[in-house]
């Protein structure tokens, strides 16, 4: 199975985190100190929200947007 997700993320300077602003996956909430760390977290969170198998392939397209 292959799934595609689009995630728009922003930067919260006060918290020092990149965070999910908007996503094609309803209910997706995630934050991390670097964009790379956020991108590493997203596939697992998406699989969990959608009830997908741990082996499911997910293409995640990340766009950084201004606050």
PDB file of N, CA and C in Angstrom:
ATOM      1  N   UNK A   1       0.828  -1.177   0.000  1.00  0.00           N
ATOM      2  CA  UNK A   1       0.000   0.000   0.000  1.00  0.00           C
ATOM      3  C   UNK A   1       0.872   1.239   0.000  1.00  0.00           C
ATOM      4  N   UNK A   2       0.453   2.227  -0.734  1.00  0.00           N
ATOM      5  CA  UNK A   2       1.192   3.480  -0.826  1.00  0.00           C
ATOM      6  C   UNK A   2       0.240   4.621  -0.497  1.00  0.00           C
ATOM      7  N   UNK A   3       0.683   5.550   0.324  1.00  0.00           N
ATOM      8  CA  UNK A   3      -0.144   6.671   0.740  1.00  0.00           C
ATOM      9  C   UNK A   3       0.642   7.961   0.576  1.00  0.00           C
ATOM     10  N   UNK A   4      -0.035   9.030   0.133  1.00  0.00           N
ATOM     11  CA  UNK A   4       0.607  10.330  -0.008  1.00  0.00           C
ATOM     12  C   UNK A   4      -0.033  11.318   0.956  1.00  0.00           C
ATOM     13  N   UNK A   5       0.798  12.115   1.607  1.00  0.00           N
ATOM     14  CA  UNK A   5       0.310  13.132   2.529  1.00  0.00           C
ATOM     15  C   UNK A   5       1.034  14.436   2.257  1.00  0.00           C
ATOM     16  N   UNK A   6       0.310  15.518   2.377  1.00  0.00           N
ATOM     17  CA  UNK A   6       0.883  16.847   2.254  1.00  0.00           C
ATOM     18  C   UNK A   6       0.783  17.527   3.608  1.00  0.00           C
ATOM     19  N   UNK A   7       1.900  18.096   4.059  1.00  0.00           N
ATOM     20  CA  UNK A   7       1.958  18.727   5.371  1.00  0.00           C
ATOM     21  C   UNK A   7       2.534  20.129   5.209  1.00  0.00           C
ATOM     22  N   UNK A   8       1.834  21.098   5.754  1.00  0.00           N
ATOM     23  CA  UNK A   8       2.344  22.473   5.785  1.00  0.00           C
ATOM     24  C   UNK A   8       2.791  22.724   7.216  1.00  0.00           C
ATOM     25  N   UNK A   9       4.030  23.179   7.372  1.00  0.00           N
ATOM     26  CA  UNK A   9       4.547  23.391   8.713  1.00  0.00           C
ATOM     27  C   UNK A   9       4.978  24.833   8.910  1.00  0.00           C
ATOM     28  N   UNK A  10       5.005  25.242  10.157  1.00  0.00           N
ATOM     29  CA  UNK A  10       5.432  26.586  10.518  1.00  0.00           C
ATOM     30  C   UNK A  10       6.475  26.519  11.612  1.00  0.00           C
ATOM     31  N   UNK A  11       7.013  27.676  11.952  1.00  0.00           N
ATOM     32  CA  UNK A  11       8.031  27.780  12.991  1.00  0.00           C
ATOM     33  C   UNK A  11       7.487  28.625  14.125  1.00  0.00           C
ATOM     34  N   UNK A  12       7.579  28.126  15.333  1.00  0.00           N
ATOM     35  CA  UNK A  12       7.197  28.874  16.523  1.00  0.00           C
ATOM     36  C   UNK A  12       8.482  29.237  17.243  1.00  0.00           C
ATOM     37  N   UNK A  13       8.913  30.478  17.069  1.00  0.00           N
ATOM     38  CA  UNK A  13      10.175  30.923  17.656  1.00  0.00           C
ATOM     39  C   UNK A  13      10.162  30.897  19.172  1.00  0.00           C
ATOM     40  N   UNK A  14       9.032  31.221  19.786  1.00  0.00           N
ATOM     41  CA  UNK A  14       8.945  31.236  21.247  1.00  0.00           C
ATOM     42  C   UNK A  14       9.139  29.836  21.833  1.00  0.00           C
ATOM     43  N   UNK A  15       8.576  28.829  21.157  1.00  0.00           N
ATOM     44  CA  UNK A  15       8.705  27.444  21.624  1.00  0.00           C
ATOM     45  C   UNK A  15       9.955  26.769  21.060  1.00  0.00           C
ATOM     46  N   UNK A  16      10.524  27.347  19.996  1.00  0.00           N
ATOM     47  CA  UNK A  16      11.696  26.739  19.363  1.00  0.00           C
ATOM     48  C   UNK A  16      11.358  25.459  18.635  1.00  0.00           C
ATOM     49  N   UNK A  17      10.162  25.422  18.000  1.00  0.00           N
ATOM     50  CA  UNK A  17       9.703  24.200  17.332  1.00  0.00           C
ATOM     51  C   UNK A  17       9.123  24.469  15.953  1.00  0.00           C
ATOM     52  N   UNK A  18       9.382  23.532  15.055  1.00  0.00           N
ATOM     53  CA  UNK A  18       8.619  23.452  13.817  1.00  0.00           C
ATOM     54  C   UNK A  18       7.386  22.634  14.151  1.00  0.00           C
ATOM     55  N   UNK A  19       6.241  23.001  13.597  1.00  0.00           N
ATOM     56  CA  UNK A  19       5.005  22.302  13.934  1.00  0.00           C
ATOM     57  C   UNK A  19       4.113  22.161  12.703  1.00  0.00           C
ATOM     58  N   UNK A  20       3.210  21.195  12.749  1.00  0.00           N
ATOM     59  CA  UNK A  20       2.257  20.973  11.661  1.00  0.00           C
ATOM     60  C   UNK A  20       1.171  22.043  11.766  1.00  0.00           C
ATOM     61  N   UNK A  21       1.061  22.847  10.718  1.00  0.00           N
ATOM     62  CA  UNK A  21       0.023  23.886  10.641  1.00  0.00           C
ATOM     63  C   UNK A  21      -1.241  23.344   9.996  1.00  0.00           C
ATOM     64  N   UNK A  22      -1.048  22.561   8.949  1.00  0.00           N
ATOM     65  CA  UNK A  22      -2.164  22.044   8.163  1.00  0.00           C
ATOM     66  C   UNK A  22      -1.673  20.773   7.483  1.00  0.00           C
ATOM     67  N   UNK A  23      -2.567  19.802   7.325  1.00  0.00           N
ATOM     68  CA  UNK A  23      -2.161  18.544   6.694  1.00  0.00           C
ATOM     69  C   UNK A  23      -3.347  17.892   6.011  1.00  0.00           C
ATOM     70  N   UNK A  24      -3.046  17.073   5.029  1.00  0.00           N
ATOM     71  CA  UNK A  24      -4.088  16.312   4.348  1.00  0.00           C
ATOM     72  C   UNK A  24      -4.575  15.148   5.205  1.00  0.00           C
ATOM     73  N   UNK A  25      -3.928  14.913   6.325  1.00  0.00           N
ATOM     74  CA  UNK A  25      -4.318  13.863   7.269  1.00  0.00           C
ATOM     75  C   UNK A  25      -5.013  14.551   8.450  1.00  0.00           C
ATOM     76  N   UNK A  26      -6.313  14.376   8.592  1.00  0.00           N
ATOM     77  CA  UNK A  26      -7.030  15.018   9.690  1.00  0.00           C
ATOM     78  C   UNK A  26      -6.493  14.599  11.056  1.00  0.00           C
ATOM     79  N   UNK A  27      -6.316  15.586  11.933  1.00  0.00           N
ATOM     80  CA  UNK A  27      -5.881  15.296  13.296  1.00  0.00           C
ATOM     81  C   UNK A  27      -4.383  15.178  13.485  1.00  0.00           C
ATOM     82  N   UNK A  28      -3.598  15.400  12.429  1.00  0.00           N
ATOM     83  CA  UNK A  28      -2.145  15.268  12.539  1.00  0.00           C
ATOM     84  C   UNK A  28      -1.573  16.426  13.350  1.00  0.00           C
ATOM     85  N   UNK A  29      -0.939  16.092  14.464  1.00  0.00           N
ATOM     86  CA  UNK A  29      -0.300  17.073  15.343  1.00  0.00           C
ATOM     87  C   UNK A  29       1.103  16.574  15.620  1.00  0.00           C
ATOM     88  N   UNK A  30       2.076  17.453  15.418  1.00  0.00           N
ATOM     89  CA  UNK A  30       3.458  17.040  15.638  1.00  0.00           C
ATOM     90  C   UNK A  30       4.315  18.293  15.731  1.00  0.00           C
ATOM     91  N   UNK A  31       5.375  18.225  16.507  1.00  0.00           N
ATOM     92  CA  UNK A  31       6.326  19.317  16.613  1.00  0.00           C
ATOM     93  C   UNK A  31       7.709  18.766  16.881  1.00  0.00           C
ATOM     94  N   UNK A  32       8.732  19.502  16.432  1.00  0.00           N
ATOM     95  CA  UNK A  32      10.113  19.068  16.624  1.00  0.00           C
ATOM     96  C   UNK A  32      11.039  20.282  16.519  1.00  0.00           C
ATOM     97  N   UNK A  33      12.227  20.213  17.115  1.00  0.00           N
ATOM     98  CA  UNK A  33      13.140  21.361  17.108  1.00  0.00           C
ATOM     99  C   UNK A  33      13.783  21.656  15.747  1.00  0.00           C
ATOM    100  N   UNK A  34      13.810  20.679  14.851  1.00  0.00           N
ATOM    101  CA  UNK A  34      14.358  20.910  13.505  1.00  0.00           C
ATOM    102  C   UNK A  34      13.379  20.361  12.471  1.00  0.00           C
ATOM    103  N   UNK A  35      13.481  20.874  11.266  1.00  0.00           N
ATOM    104  CA  UNK A  35      12.608  20.396  10.198  1.00  0.00           C
ATOM    105  C   UNK A  35      12.915  18.934   9.880  1.00  0.00           C
ATOM    106  N   UNK A  36      14.184  18.553   9.978  1.00  0.00           N
ATOM    107  CA  UNK A  36      14.566  17.169   9.721  1.00  0.00           C
ATOM    108  C   UNK A  36      13.940  16.227  10.756  1.00  0.00           C
ATOM    109  N   UNK A  37      13.965  16.627  12.021  1.00  0.00           N
ATOM    110  CA  UNK A  37      13.365  15.808  13.074  1.00  0.00           C
ATOM    111  C   UNK A  37      11.854  15.703  12.874  1.00  0.00           C
ATOM    112  N   UNK A  38      11.228  16.793  12.452  1.00  0.00           N
ATOM    113  CA  UNK A  38       9.789  16.760  12.182  1.00  0.00           C
ATOM    114  C   UNK A  38       9.485  15.787  11.054  1.00  0.00           C
ATOM    115  N   UNK A  39      10.274  15.833   9.999  1.00  0.00           N
ATOM    116  CA  UNK A  39      10.059  14.943   8.859  1.00  0.00           C
ATOM    117  C   UNK A  39      10.248  13.478   9.247  1.00  0.00           C
ATOM    118  N   UNK A  40      11.117  13.195  10.181  1.00  0.00           N
ATOM    119  CA  UNK A  40      11.318  11.817  10.645  1.00  0.00           C
ATOM    120  C   UNK A  40      10.125  11.320  11.466  1.00  0.00           C
ATOM    121  N   UNK A  41       9.471  12.214  12.190  1.00  0.00           N
ATOM    122  CA  UNK A  41       8.329  11.852  13.030  1.00  0.00           C
ATOM    123  C   UNK A  41       7.055  11.614  12.216  1.00  0.00           C
ATOM    124  N   UNK A  42       6.902  12.332  11.117  1.00  0.00           N
ATOM    125  CA  UNK A  42       5.632  12.335  10.393  1.00  0.00           C
ATOM    126  C   UNK A  42       5.156  10.969   9.893  1.00  0.00           C
ATOM    127  N   UNK A  43       5.979  10.153   9.247  1.00  0.00           N
ATOM    128  CA  UNK A  43       5.454   8.875   8.745  1.00  0.00           C
ATOM    129  C   UNK A  43       4.834   7.997   9.833  1.00  0.00           C
ATOM    130  N   UNK A  44       5.472   7.897  10.976  1.00  0.00           N
ATOM    131  CA  UNK A  44       4.940   7.082  12.067  1.00  0.00           C
ATOM    132  C   UNK A  44       3.629   7.625  12.601  1.00  0.00           C
ATOM    133  N   UNK A  45       3.549   8.936  12.751  1.00  0.00           N
ATOM    134  CA  UNK A  45       2.313   9.562  13.233  1.00  0.00           C
ATOM    135  C   UNK A  45       1.176   9.367  12.239  1.00  0.00           C
ATOM    136  N   UNK A  46       1.495   9.496  10.947  1.00  0.00           N
ATOM    137  CA  UNK A  46       0.472   9.318   9.911  1.00  0.00           C
ATOM    138  C   UNK A  46      -0.018   7.875   9.896  1.00  0.00           C
ATOM    139  N   UNK A  47       0.904   6.916   9.962  1.00  0.00           N
ATOM    140  CA  UNK A  47       0.507   5.497  10.008  1.00  0.00           C
ATOM    141  C   UNK A  47      -0.425   5.241  11.198  1.00  0.00           C
ATOM    142  N   UNK A  48      -0.075   5.784  12.352  1.00  0.00           N
ATOM    143  CA  UNK A  48      -0.887   5.560  13.559  1.00  0.00           C
ATOM    144  C   UNK A  48      -2.279   6.172  13.406  1.00  0.00           C
ATOM    145  N   UNK A  49      -2.361   7.383  12.883  1.00  0.00           N
ATOM    146  CA  UNK A  49      -3.663   8.043  12.726  1.00  0.00           C
ATOM    147  C   UNK A  49      -4.570   7.315  11.740  1.00  0.00           C
ATOM    148  N   UNK A  50      -3.964   6.790  10.682  1.00  0.00           N
ATOM    149  CA  UNK A  50      -4.743   6.136   9.635  1.00  0.00           C
ATOM    150  C   UNK A  50      -4.908   4.638   9.858  1.00  0.00           C
ATOM    151  N   UNK A  51      -4.263   4.113  10.896  1.00  0.00           N
ATOM    152  CA  UNK A  51      -4.364   2.681  11.175  1.00  0.00           C
ATOM    153  C   UNK A  51      -3.668   1.839  10.120  1.00  0.00           C
ATOM    154  N   UNK A  52      -2.587   2.367   9.551  1.00  0.00           N
ATOM    155  CA  UNK A  52      -1.846   1.653   8.515  1.00  0.00           C
ATOM    156  C   UNK A  52      -0.815   0.719   9.133  1.00  0.00           C
ATOM    157  N   UNK A  53      -0.472  -0.305   8.395  1.00  0.00           N
ATOM    158  CA  UNK A  53       0.563  -1.246   8.794  1.00  0.00           C
ATOM    159  C   UNK A  53       1.905  -0.514   8.904  1.00  0.00           C
ATOM    160  N   UNK A  54       2.761  -0.955   9.794  1.00  0.00           N
ATOM    161  CA  UNK A  54       4.068  -0.329   9.995  1.00  0.00           C
ATOM    162  C   UNK A  54       4.930  -0.361   8.739  1.00  0.00           C
ATOM    163  N   UNK A  55       4.641  -1.263   7.818  1.00  0.00           N
ATOM    164  CA  UNK A  55       5.405  -1.380   6.577  1.00  0.00           C
ATOM    165  C   UNK A  55       4.818  -0.550   5.430  1.00  0.00           C
ATOM    166  N   UNK A  56       3.697   0.112   5.669  1.00  0.00           N
ATOM    167  CA  UNK A  56       3.047   0.898   4.610  1.00  0.00           C
ATOM    168  C   UNK A  56       3.973   2.020   4.156  1.00  0.00           C
ATOM    169  N   UNK A  57       4.099   2.176   2.839  1.00  0.00           N
ATOM    170  CA  UNK A  57       4.951   3.217   2.274  1.00  0.00           C
ATOM    171  C   UNK A  57       4.186   4.533   2.231  1.00  0.00           C
ATOM    172  N   UNK A  58       4.806   5.586   2.731  1.00  0.00           N
ATOM    173  CA  UNK A  58       4.150   6.890   2.765  1.00  0.00           C
ATOM    174  C   UNK A  58       5.063   7.929   2.137  1.00  0.00           C
ATOM    175  N   UNK A  59       4.544   8.654   1.147  1.00  0.00           N
ATOM    176  CA  UNK A  59       5.222   9.825   0.591  1.00  0.00           C
ATOM    177  C   UNK A  59       4.708  11.031   1.361  1.00  0.00           C
ATOM    178  N   UNK A  60       5.606  11.759   2.010  1.00  0.00           N
ATOM    179  CA  UNK A  60       5.202  12.945   2.756  1.00  0.00           C
ATOM    180  C   UNK A  60       5.813  14.159   2.074  1.00  0.00           C
ATOM    181  N   UNK A  61       4.961  15.053   1.624  1.00  0.00           N
ATOM    182  CA  UNK A  61       5.401  16.299   0.996  1.00  0.00           C
ATOM    183  C   UNK A  61       5.263  17.400   2.036  1.00  0.00           C
ATOM    184  N   UNK A  62       6.393  18.026   2.389  1.00  0.00           N
ATOM    185  CA  UNK A  62       6.406  19.037   3.440  1.00  0.00           C
ATOM    186  C   UNK A  62       6.669  20.399   2.817  1.00  0.00           C
ATOM    187  N   UNK A  63       5.835  21.364   3.216  1.00  0.00           N
ATOM    188  CA  UNK A  63       5.986  22.748   2.767  1.00  0.00           C
ATOM    189  C   UNK A  63       6.093  23.619   4.006  1.00  0.00           C
ATOM    190  N   UNK A  64       7.098  24.460   4.053  1.00  0.00           N
ATOM    191  CA  UNK A  64       7.236  25.389   5.162  1.00  0.00           C
ATOM    192  C   UNK A  64       6.534  26.678   4.792  1.00  0.00           C
ATOM    193  N   UNK A  65       5.676  27.142   5.670  1.00  0.00           N
ATOM    194  CA  UNK A  65       4.928  28.368   5.401  1.00  0.00           C
ATOM    195  C   UNK A  65       5.266  29.414   6.464  1.00  0.00           C
ATOM    196  N   UNK A  66       5.119  30.674   6.101  1.00  0.00           N
ATOM    197  CA  UNK A  66       5.384  31.746   7.035  1.00  0.00           C
ATOM    198  C   UNK A  66       4.319  31.767   8.122  1.00  0.00           C
ATOM    199  N   UNK A  67       4.681  32.218   9.251  1.00  0.00           N
ATOM    200  CA  UNK A  67       3.759  32.270  10.392  1.00  0.00           C
ATOM    201  C   UNK A  67       2.614  33.148  10.129  1.00  0.00           C
TER     202      UNK A  67
END
